[in-house]
Amino acid sequence: MKKKILVLQFRPEDLASDNEFEEAILKFGNLKNDEVHRIRLERGNMPEINLDDYCGVIACGGPHNVSDPIEKQSESQIKSEKKYSEIIKKVIEEDMLFLSICYIGVLNKICGGNVSKEKYSEDPSVVEIALTEEGKNDKITKGIPDEFRAIVAHKEACQNVGENTVILAKSETCPFELMRTKNNIYACQFHPDLDVAGLEFRLNIYKNYGYCSPDEVDEIVGGMKGENVSNALKILTNFIEFCREIE
């Protein structure tokens, strides 16, 4: 890889952030530490970024809800989303390789879409994802069957999408599971960065954050045992392959 991938994170919890970076992005992405530049946006100490230094950007998930009223948002969320919005606007302008994982509301709002808790939230579970006709022909879905299983867990969702955005995949519970803006900017509502063990680890950190009742974690994870979400993980690996092809 001639340039590094910029990895943006938003999780204030160190255990969750480190696990996401090491066990999700590096492990499932088959990446080495020296191939990425990791920045934890929630810390507020954001260095100046020149996107020309990177072959692509991966924006990870987090516990924040874009649709929460400003008075309910933490200082960390307000600061990180402000800087993140600046980066996204540059990404859109340049149509840079970009993958947003689960925490996709900021991108959709900037593109003119609406994000709320009104409809399409999904409890922690494994759902059936179906590719649209556009999705079947998109480079991000190379090697992925028309229908596949994936992990979901989100309290808010896109209610519609903004300009220059097409829907690539949907489920019965959420019609906006995978989207592309322009040619290279992807937003994934499901998790191409998690297997069942990863979700269990994360739920035990966030069990008091409203995704489920604390006493439901074992039951939720137990019901997922044996689920094969390997095709969902290919979204991440396909994206990284695009990055490797950048001169």
Protein backbone atom coordinates (compact mmCIF):
# COMPACT_ATOMS: atom_id res chain seq x y z
CA MET A 1 0.00 0.00 0.00
CA LYS A 2 1.62 3.26 -1.16
CA LYS A 3 -0.48 5.49 1.09
CA LYS A 4 -2.05 4.83 4.47
CA ILE A 5 -5.75 4.48 5.24
CA LEU A 6 -7.11 7.08 7.62
CA VAL A 7 -9.15 5.39 10.38
CA LEU A 8 -11.48 7.70 12.32
CA GLN A 9 -12.96 6.54 15.63
CA PHE A 10 -15.59 8.02 17.93
CA ARG A 11 -15.78 5.73 20.98
CA PRO A 12 -14.90 7.39 24.32
CA GLU A 13 -14.52 3.98 25.97
CA ASP A 14 -10.90 2.80 25.61
CA LEU A 15 -11.76 -0.91 25.68
CA ALA A 16 -14.35 -0.51 22.94
CA SER A 17 -12.13 1.74 20.84
CA ASP A 18 -9.05 -0.50 21.06
CA ASN A 19 -11.06 -3.63 20.33
CA GLU A 20 -12.73 -1.98 17.35
CA PHE A 21 -9.37 -0.93 15.93
CA GLU A 22 -7.42 -4.12 16.63
CA GLU A 23 -10.01 -6.89 16.33
CA ALA A 24 -12.28 -5.32 13.71
CA ILE A 25 -10.42 -2.96 11.41
CA LEU A 26 -6.95 -4.53 11.54
CA LYS A 27 -7.97 -8.17 11.92
CA PHE A 28 -10.93 -8.38 9.56
CA GLY A 29 -9.38 -5.86 7.18
CA ASN A 30 -6.12 -7.83 7.07
CA LEU A 31 -4.26 -4.60 7.76
CA LYS A 32 -1.00 -3.87 9.54
CA ASN A 33 -0.47 -1.02 11.96
CA ASP A 34 1.88 0.76 9.57
CA GLU A 35 -0.79 0.75 6.85
CA VAL A 36 -3.19 2.94 8.79
CA HIS A 37 -3.32 6.25 10.62
CA ARG A 38 -5.65 5.98 13.60
CA ILE A 39 -7.33 9.10 15.00
CA ARG A 40 -9.76 9.11 17.91
CA LEU A 41 -11.94 12.08 17.08
CA GLU A 42 -13.81 11.96 20.38
CA ARG A 43 -10.69 13.11 22.22
CA GLY A 44 -10.93 16.51 20.59
CA ASN A 45 -7.22 16.82 19.83
CA MET A 46 -7.57 16.71 16.07
CA PRO A 47 -4.42 17.22 14.03
CA GLU A 48 -4.54 18.97 10.69
CA ILE A 49 -5.35 16.44 7.99
CA ASN A 50 -4.37 16.53 4.34
CA LEU A 51 -6.55 13.94 2.62
CA ASP A 52 -4.05 13.74 -0.22
CA ASP A 53 -1.81 11.83 2.19
CA TYR A 54 -4.26 8.91 2.29
CA CYS A 55 -5.62 6.35 -0.14
CA GLY A 56 -8.96 6.14 1.66
CA VAL A 57 -10.88 6.81 4.87
CA ILE A 58 -12.70 4.40 7.18
CA ALA A 59 -15.04 6.02 9.69
CA CYS A 60 -16.01 3.64 12.48
CA GLY A 61 -19.13 3.43 14.61
CA GLY A 62 -19.89 4.86 18.02
CA PRO A 63 -22.47 5.34 20.77
CA HIS A 64 -23.56 8.81 19.62
CA ASN A 65 -26.87 9.58 17.92
CA VAL A 66 -26.74 12.32 15.30
CA SER A 67 -30.45 12.96 15.73
CA ASP A 68 -30.26 13.72 19.46
CA PRO A 69 -31.08 17.33 20.36
CA ILE A 70 -27.94 19.41 20.85
CA GLU A 71 -28.67 19.82 24.58
CA LYS A 72 -28.49 16.04 25.00
CA GLN A 73 -25.20 15.69 23.16
CA SER A 74 -21.94 15.41 25.05
CA GLU A 75 -19.09 17.83 24.51
CA SER A 76 -17.17 14.94 22.94
CA GLN A 77 -19.92 14.33 20.38
CA ILE A 78 -20.28 17.99 19.49
CA LYS A 79 -16.53 18.45 18.97
CA SER A 80 -16.00 15.21 17.06
CA GLU A 81 -18.98 15.72 14.75
CA LYS A 82 -17.87 19.24 13.92
CA LYS A 83 -14.44 18.06 12.80
CA TYR A 84 -15.88 14.96 11.17
CA SER A 85 -18.28 17.10 9.13
CA GLU A 86 -15.36 19.14 7.82
CA ILE A 87 -13.61 15.95 6.71
CA ILE A 88 -16.74 14.54 5.05
CA LYS A 89 -17.31 17.72 3.06
CA LYS A 90 -13.78 17.42 1.66
CA VAL A 91 -14.32 13.72 0.94
CA ILE A 92 -17.52 14.49 -1.00
CA GLU A 93 -15.86 17.29 -2.92
CA GLU A 94 -13.03 15.00 -3.99
CA ASP A 95 -15.18 11.83 -4.29
CA MET A 96 -12.53 10.08 -2.22
CA LEU A 97 -12.67 6.43 -1.22
CA PHE A 98 -14.63 6.47 2.02
CA LEU A 99 -16.44 3.86 4.12
CA SER A 100 -18.70 4.86 7.01
CA ILE A 101 -19.63 2.00 9.35
CA CYS A 102 -22.98 2.13 11.21
CA TYR A 103 -22.52 5.74 12.40
CA ILE A 104 -23.68 7.04 9.03
CA GLY A 105 -26.02 9.85 10.00
CA VAL A 106 -23.47 12.67 9.71
CA LEU A 107 -22.71 11.75 6.10
CA ASN A 108 -26.38 11.41 5.19
CA LYS A 109 -27.31 14.76 6.76
CA ILE A 110 -24.54 16.54 4.89
CA CYS A 111 -25.81 14.96 1.66
CA GLY A 112 -29.30 16.29 2.39
CA GLY A 113 -30.92 13.20 3.87
CA ASN A 114 -32.89 12.90 7.09
CA VAL A 115 -31.83 10.91 10.17
CA SER A 116 -34.07 10.15 13.15
CA LYS A 117 -35.33 7.47 15.53
CA GLU A 118 -38.78 7.52 13.89
CA LYS A 119 -38.35 4.33 11.86
CA TYR A 120 -35.86 1.65 10.82
CA SER A 121 -33.82 1.27 14.02
CA GLU A 122 -32.65 -2.31 14.60
CA ASP A 123 -32.04 -4.13 17.86
CA PRO A 124 -28.79 -6.13 18.18
CA SER A 125 -29.41 -9.07 15.89
CA VAL A 126 -28.47 -10.82 12.68
CA VAL A 127 -30.65 -9.93 9.70
CA GLU A 128 -30.95 -10.93 6.06
CA ILE A 129 -29.57 -8.27 3.73
CA ALA A 130 -30.62 -8.14 0.07
CA LEU A 131 -28.69 -6.35 -2.66
CA THR A 132 -30.61 -4.00 -4.93
CA GLU A 133 -30.03 -4.09 -8.69
CA GLU A 134 -27.53 -1.23 -8.28
CA GLY A 135 -25.87 -3.14 -5.46
CA LYS A 136 -25.46 -6.29 -7.51
CA ASN A 137 -23.34 -4.34 -9.98
CA ASP A 138 -21.30 -2.25 -7.55
CA LYS A 139 -17.60 -2.89 -6.94
CA ILE A 140 -18.07 -2.90 -3.15
CA THR A 141 -20.18 -6.10 -3.32
CA LYS A 142 -17.70 -8.17 -5.33
CA GLY A 143 -17.91 -11.82 -4.25
CA ILE A 144 -21.02 -11.23 -2.12
CA PRO A 145 -24.25 -13.16 -2.87
CA ASP A 146 -27.48 -11.31 -3.58
CA GLU A 147 -28.65 -12.15 -0.05
CA PHE A 148 -26.42 -12.49 3.02
CA ARG A 149 -26.49 -12.33 6.81
CA ALA A 150 -25.15 -9.38 8.77
CA ILE A 151 -25.05 -7.99 12.32
CA VAL A 152 -27.04 -4.84 13.06
CA ALA A 153 -27.50 -2.65 16.13
CA HIS A 154 -28.55 0.99 15.83
CA LYS A 155 -31.02 3.27 17.61
CA GLU A 156 -31.43 5.82 14.82
CA ALA A 157 -31.55 5.43 11.06
CA CYS A 158 -31.73 7.24 7.76
CA GLN A 159 -35.34 8.06 6.86
CA ASN A 160 -34.37 9.00 3.31
CA VAL A 161 -31.12 9.66 1.49
CA GLY A 162 -29.57 12.78 0.05
CA GLU A 163 -28.45 13.80 -3.40
CA ASN A 164 -26.13 11.70 -5.54
CA THR A 165 -26.84 8.68 -3.30
CA VAL A 166 -28.08 5.26 -4.40
CA ILE A 167 -29.26 2.36 -2.24
CA LEU A 168 -27.14 -0.77 -2.68
CA ALA A 169 -28.71 -3.08 -0.08
CA LYS A 170 -31.72 -3.27 2.23
CA SER A 171 -33.36 -5.53 4.79
CA GLU A 172 -36.96 -6.08 5.88
CA THR A 173 -36.36 -3.85 8.90
CA CYS A 174 -34.26 -1.13 7.28
CA PRO A 175 -34.35 0.01 3.62
CA PHE A 176 -31.00 1.80 3.89
CA GLU A 177 -28.45 -0.86 4.82
CA LEU A 178 -25.80 0.05 2.25
CA MET A 179 -25.49 3.19 0.17
CA ARG A 180 -23.10 4.89 -2.22
CA THR A 181 -22.73 8.60 -2.77
CA LYS A 182 -21.08 9.70 -6.01
CA ASN A 183 -18.69 6.93 -7.13
CA ASN A 184 -16.54 6.11 -4.10
CA ILE A 185 -18.29 7.15 -0.89
CA TYR A 186 -19.96 4.26 0.95
CA ALA A 187 -22.16 4.13 4.05
CA CYS A 188 -22.96 0.82 5.71
CA GLN A 189 -25.72 0.64 8.34
CA PHE A 190 -24.98 -2.98 9.23
CA HIS A 191 -21.60 -4.07 10.62
CA PRO A 192 -18.98 -5.28 8.13
CA ASP A 193 -16.55 -5.11 11.05
CA LEU A 194 -18.16 -7.55 13.51
CA ASP A 195 -18.63 -11.25 14.05
CA VAL A 196 -20.71 -12.65 16.90
CA ALA A 197 -17.79 -12.66 19.34
CA GLY A 198 -17.09 -9.03 18.52
CA LEU A 199 -20.70 -8.05 19.09
CA GLU A 200 -20.71 -9.84 22.46
CA PHE A 201 -17.62 -7.92 23.55
CA ARG A 202 -19.14 -4.62 22.45
CA LEU A 203 -22.59 -5.26 23.95
CA ASN A 204 -21.06 -5.96 27.34
CA ILE A 205 -19.52 -2.48 27.21
CA TYR A 206 -22.65 -0.76 25.90
CA LYS A 207 -25.33 -2.79 27.69
CA ASN A 208 -26.49 0.31 29.55
CA TYR A 209 -26.62 2.53 26.46
CA GLY A 210 -30.10 1.61 25.29
CA TYR A 211 -29.30 -0.98 22.63
CA CYS A 212 -30.87 -3.68 24.80
CA SER A 213 -31.57 -4.47 28.45
CA PRO A 214 -28.41 -5.43 30.37
CA ASP A 215 -29.88 -8.80 31.28
CA GLU A 216 -30.61 -9.61 27.61
CA VAL A 217 -27.00 -9.71 26.38
CA ASP A 218 -26.43 -13.43 26.97
CA GLU A 219 -29.75 -14.33 25.36
CA ILE A 220 -29.10 -12.10 22.33
CA VAL A 221 -25.62 -13.47 21.76
CA GLY A 222 -26.74 -17.05 22.41
CA GLY A 223 -29.37 -16.69 19.70
CA MET A 224 -26.69 -15.69 17.21
CA LYS A 225 -24.39 -18.63 17.79
CA GLY A 226 -23.70 -20.43 14.53
CA GLU A 227 -24.62 -17.43 12.37
CA ASN A 228 -22.31 -16.94 9.38
CA VAL A 229 -21.70 -13.24 8.70
CA SER A 230 -18.56 -13.72 6.63
CA ASN A 231 -20.12 -12.22 3.50
CA ALA A 232 -20.87 -8.99 5.36
CA LEU A 233 -17.20 -8.73 6.31
CA LYS A 234 -16.30 -8.67 2.59
CA ILE A 235 -17.59 -5.09 2.38
CA LEU A 236 -14.65 -4.06 4.55
CA THR A 237 -12.09 -6.20 2.74
CA ASN A 238 -13.33 -5.11 -0.69
CA PHE A 239 -13.02 -1.48 0.33
CA ILE A 240 -9.47 -2.02 1.55
CA GLU A 241 -8.57 -3.66 -1.75
CA PHE A 242 -9.75 -0.51 -3.55
CA CYS A 243 -7.43 1.47 -1.29
CA ARG A 244 -4.51 -0.79 -2.13
CA GLU A 245 -5.01 -0.09 -5.81
CA ILE A 246 -4.53 3.67 -5.37
CA GLU A 247 -1.23 4.86 -6.83
